[in-house]
Amino acid sequence: MPFEARDDNVDPDAIGNHYHDDGLLWQTHYAAVEVFDYPHATMHMKIFCQSYWGELHDLTFSYKRGSTKEPEEENAWETKFRQSLARPGTDEAAMMHTPLAAVVRYDTGNPTTHLFYISTGFKIREVIWKNGSQTNDCLGITVCPTSSLAVTKWGAGSQTHFRLYYQSKAGTIEEHCLDCNAGTWTKGATLSGPVSACDDDSPLRGTSLSFINLAQDKPELRGYFQTAKGSIQEFTYKGTKWSTSKIGVDAAPFRTPLAAITVEKNKIAALYYVDAYNRVNEVLWEGDWEGSERIDGESVAPGARLAVASLKYIGHDKIHMFSSGLVNNYAKGLDKGERDVGR
């Protein structure tokens, strides 16, 4: 499936300039989510990252008219930058190079955004934006100092369910569960055994984690991690138990970033990782894994992390990827049988 370069009139420097002025942390992690404000009929993306001093940044990336229609004129996008999270020296302070994971729920009528990060005491904290107010609470979950974070969701009616994933001190991949109406996090499944020098399929300590759901109203969960041997494998859950399988990536640089996403009403899933030459690779799933394909011309800074989010445009979903040295959009034109890349 070919890639075609295109101009979406979105200035990739709009984000980079903001970050440079405020001292973006080298090799910062990112989290990105699309937010649909149904009461006001607008949409935007929220991107989170970390500053040189350890503070967390919150960037809103929005279309001026609030529409997901393809921008046709210069400066169709506008950005809003602010520093407001996890300030150093406070109980809310984030560890340096904290992983970030974010998710949005809509069961309250207005969008409620949840951000997860790791504190200086290696505990998971949750920031919630709801109806214009913000809270920051410790979940009491202690993680491995090199743990990644990932979160996914599903919802039925007015009830939304979250699943949060992290690596324990022993190296196991663990799950915590939240039924949002109940409001209390509970321990879920243990998805893997501990880190082991004798088991090539055990999780790598410090592996990146990324989880998605292939359904909107029930759990059809998929998760991605790297093994001690360097391969990338998949966790699968369909309502009864977890299983592990290979996806055709037998070797990748240790601790390569992983970023997974679903598009086109969950008919397609894509996993992105970075190879030894700092090039972004894509593994596509359309009922089965199709093998790894390098995205031509797309490279990131050494040690950079990845985050992806999608927005629905006319006729297709567009994937926005964020990383140090890369801010691009990937447009999926499935009706034409091709994928487009826009700068």
Foldseek 3Di string as FASTA:
>chain_A
DDAAEDALLDDPCQVVVVQVVQAFAVQWAKAKEKFQFVVVLAIWMWMWTAHNQQFIKIKIKGQPVRDQARDDDHPRIDMDIDTDFQDPPDPRGADPNWAKEKDWDCLVPGIKIWMWTAHPQQFIWIWIADPNDIDIGTLPDHAAPLKHKEKEWAADHSWIKMWIWIAHNQGWIWIWIDTVVVPHIDGDDGQFDGADPVDQARFDVNWAKYKYALARHDRFIKMWTAGPQAFIKIWTDDPPDIDIDHQAGRHAPPNWAWEKDAWDSSQKIWIWTAHPVQFIWIWIDRPGTDHIDTDPPHGADPSKHKYWYWDDYVQWIKIFMDIHVDTWIKTDNVVVPDIYIYD
